[in-house]
């Protein structure tokens, strides 16, 4: 396996060390930083734009203002077809 050297600050090193320690506790075997990084990479949840639905609270007047400004902006777009 090819290896590379990277520099990380102390805060990130300690964070990764804790992640590796937690993984080691779960698995009951020694975990390398490489294994810890790989686990973090593959276990990251996929987020979708639809996950944000309903999370932004706004009043009717705010929505009206956004809608009007968006329409105004869109009216300035010039679309040319080739």
C-alpha atoms as a PDB file:
ATOM      1  CA  UNK A   1       0.000   0.000   0.000  1.00  0.00           C
ATOM      2  CA  UNK A   2       1.272   3.455  -0.897  1.00  0.00           C
ATOM      3  CA  UNK A   3       1.506   5.967   1.925  1.00  0.00           C
ATOM      4  CA  UNK A   4       1.610   9.759   2.079  1.00  0.00           C
ATOM      5  CA  UNK A   5       2.570  12.165   4.824  1.00  0.00           C
ATOM      6  CA  UNK A   6       0.224  15.015   5.709  1.00  0.00           C
ATOM      7  CA  UNK A   7       0.386  17.800   8.270  1.00  0.00           C
ATOM      8  CA  UNK A   8      -2.577  18.461  10.527  1.00  0.00           C
ATOM      9  CA  UNK A   9      -2.913  20.776  13.480  1.00  0.00           C
ATOM     10  CA  UNK A  10      -3.034  19.495  17.050  1.00  0.00           C
ATOM     11  CA  UNK A  11      -6.803  19.980  17.347  1.00  0.00           C
ATOM     12  CA  UNK A  12      -7.486  17.816  14.277  1.00  0.00           C
ATOM     13  CA  UNK A  13      -4.967  15.211  15.450  1.00  0.00           C
ATOM     14  CA  UNK A  14      -6.691  14.922  18.823  1.00  0.00           C
ATOM     15  CA  UNK A  15     -10.119  14.736  17.145  1.00  0.00           C
ATOM     16  CA  UNK A  16      -8.934  11.916  14.882  1.00  0.00           C
ATOM     17  CA  UNK A  17      -7.293  10.167  17.822  1.00  0.00           C
ATOM     18  CA  UNK A  18     -10.640  10.189  19.688  1.00  0.00           C
ATOM     19  CA  UNK A  19     -12.469   8.875  16.619  1.00  0.00           C
ATOM     20  CA  UNK A  20      -9.933   6.058  16.264  1.00  0.00           C
ATOM     21  CA  UNK A  21     -10.207   5.262  19.988  1.00  0.00           C
ATOM     22  CA  UNK A  22     -14.012   5.045  19.758  1.00  0.00           C
ATOM     23  CA  UNK A  23     -13.779   2.755  16.726  1.00  0.00           C
ATOM     24  CA  UNK A  24     -11.239   0.627  18.569  1.00  0.00           C
ATOM     25  CA  UNK A  25     -13.605   0.266  21.540  1.00  0.00           C
ATOM     26  CA  UNK A  26     -16.436  -0.813  19.222  1.00  0.00           C
ATOM     27  CA  UNK A  27     -14.374  -3.299  17.233  1.00  0.00           C
ATOM     28  CA  UNK A  28     -12.169  -4.597  20.041  1.00  0.00           C
ATOM     29  CA  UNK A  29      -9.068  -4.434  17.854  1.00  0.00           C
ATOM     30  CA  UNK A  30      -6.398  -1.813  17.162  1.00  0.00           C
ATOM     31  CA  UNK A  31      -7.478   0.815  14.620  1.00  0.00           C
ATOM     32  CA  UNK A  32      -5.010   2.810  12.543  1.00  0.00           C
ATOM     33  CA  UNK A  33      -5.588   6.433  11.566  1.00  0.00           C
ATOM     34  CA  UNK A  34      -6.034   5.210   7.996  1.00  0.00           C
ATOM     35  CA  UNK A  35      -8.810   2.835   9.074  1.00  0.00           C
ATOM     36  CA  UNK A  36     -10.405   5.597  11.157  1.00  0.00           C
ATOM     37  CA  UNK A  37     -10.365   8.032   8.233  1.00  0.00           C
ATOM     38  CA  UNK A  38     -11.794   5.403   5.913  1.00  0.00           C
ATOM     39  CA  UNK A  39     -14.604   4.622   8.356  1.00  0.00           C
ATOM     40  CA  UNK A  40     -15.427   8.329   8.706  1.00  0.00           C
ATOM     41  CA  UNK A  41     -15.401   8.745   4.917  1.00  0.00           C
ATOM     42  CA  UNK A  42     -17.727   5.841   4.157  1.00  0.00           C
ATOM     43  CA  UNK A  43     -20.091   6.368   7.096  1.00  0.00           C
ATOM     44  CA  UNK A  44     -20.830  10.026   6.376  1.00  0.00           C
ATOM     45  CA  UNK A  45     -24.577  10.318   5.822  1.00  0.00           C
ATOM     46  CA  UNK A  46     -25.696  11.470   2.401  1.00  0.00           C
ATOM     47  CA  UNK A  47     -27.681  14.663   2.652  1.00  0.00           C
ATOM     48  CA  UNK A  48     -30.256  15.770   0.158  1.00  0.00           C
ATOM     49  CA  UNK A  49     -31.708  19.207  -0.463  1.00  0.00           C
ATOM     50  CA  UNK A  50     -35.119  17.795   0.470  1.00  0.00           C
ATOM     51  CA  UNK A  51     -33.793  17.196   4.006  1.00  0.00           C
ATOM     52  CA  UNK A  52     -34.008  20.959   4.490  1.00  0.00           C
ATOM     53  CA  UNK A  53     -37.729  21.122   3.698  1.00  0.00           C
ATOM     54  CA  UNK A  54     -39.579  22.926   6.458  1.00  0.00           C
ATOM     55  CA  UNK A  55     -36.436  23.935   8.322  1.00  0.00           C
ATOM     56  CA  UNK A  56     -36.569  27.598   7.312  1.00  0.00           C
ATOM     57  CA  UNK A  57     -39.218  29.537   9.206  1.00  0.00           C
ATOM     58  CA  UNK A  58     -40.455  32.737   7.570  1.00  0.00           C
ATOM     59  CA  UNK A  59     -43.489  34.933   7.581  1.00  0.00           C
ATOM     60  CA  UNK A  60     -45.877  35.362   4.663  1.00  0.00           C
ATOM     61  CA  UNK A  61     -44.498  38.856   4.062  1.00  0.00           C
ATOM     62  CA  UNK A  62     -40.935  37.509   3.867  1.00  0.00           C
ATOM     63  CA  UNK A  63     -42.057  34.872   1.354  1.00  0.00           C
ATOM     64  CA  UNK A  64     -43.860  37.524  -0.716  1.00  0.00           C
ATOM     65  CA  UNK A  65     -40.726  39.704  -0.767  1.00  0.00           C
ATOM     66  CA  UNK A  66     -38.507  36.802  -1.836  1.00  0.00           C
ATOM     67  CA  UNK A  67     -40.974  35.784  -4.540  1.00  0.00           C
ATOM     68  CA  UNK A  68     -41.205  39.332  -5.936  1.00  0.00           C
ATOM     69  CA  UNK A  69     -37.432  39.851  -5.948  1.00  0.00           C
ATOM     70  CA  UNK A  70     -36.900  36.488  -7.608  1.00  0.00           C
ATOM     71  CA  UNK A  71     -39.439  37.287 -10.338  1.00  0.00           C
ATOM     72  CA  UNK A  72     -37.784  40.664 -10.888  1.00  0.00           C
ATOM     73  CA  UNK A  73     -34.360  39.037 -11.170  1.00  0.00           C
ATOM     74  CA  UNK A  74     -35.613  36.354 -13.535  1.00  0.00           C
ATOM     75  CA  UNK A  75     -37.199  38.962 -15.796  1.00  0.00           C
ATOM     76  CA  UNK A  76     -33.722  40.407 -16.415  1.00  0.00           C
ATOM     77  CA  UNK A  77     -32.316  37.112 -17.644  1.00  0.00           C
ATOM     78  CA  UNK A  78     -31.725  36.924 -21.349  1.00  0.00           C
ATOM     79  CA  UNK A  79     -31.928  33.434 -22.725  1.00  0.00           C
ATOM     80  CA  UNK A  80     -30.528  32.791 -26.158  1.00  0.00           C
ATOM     81  CA  UNK A  81     -30.968  29.526 -27.953  1.00  0.00           C
ATOM     82  CA  UNK A  82     -28.375  28.346 -30.413  1.00  0.00           C
END
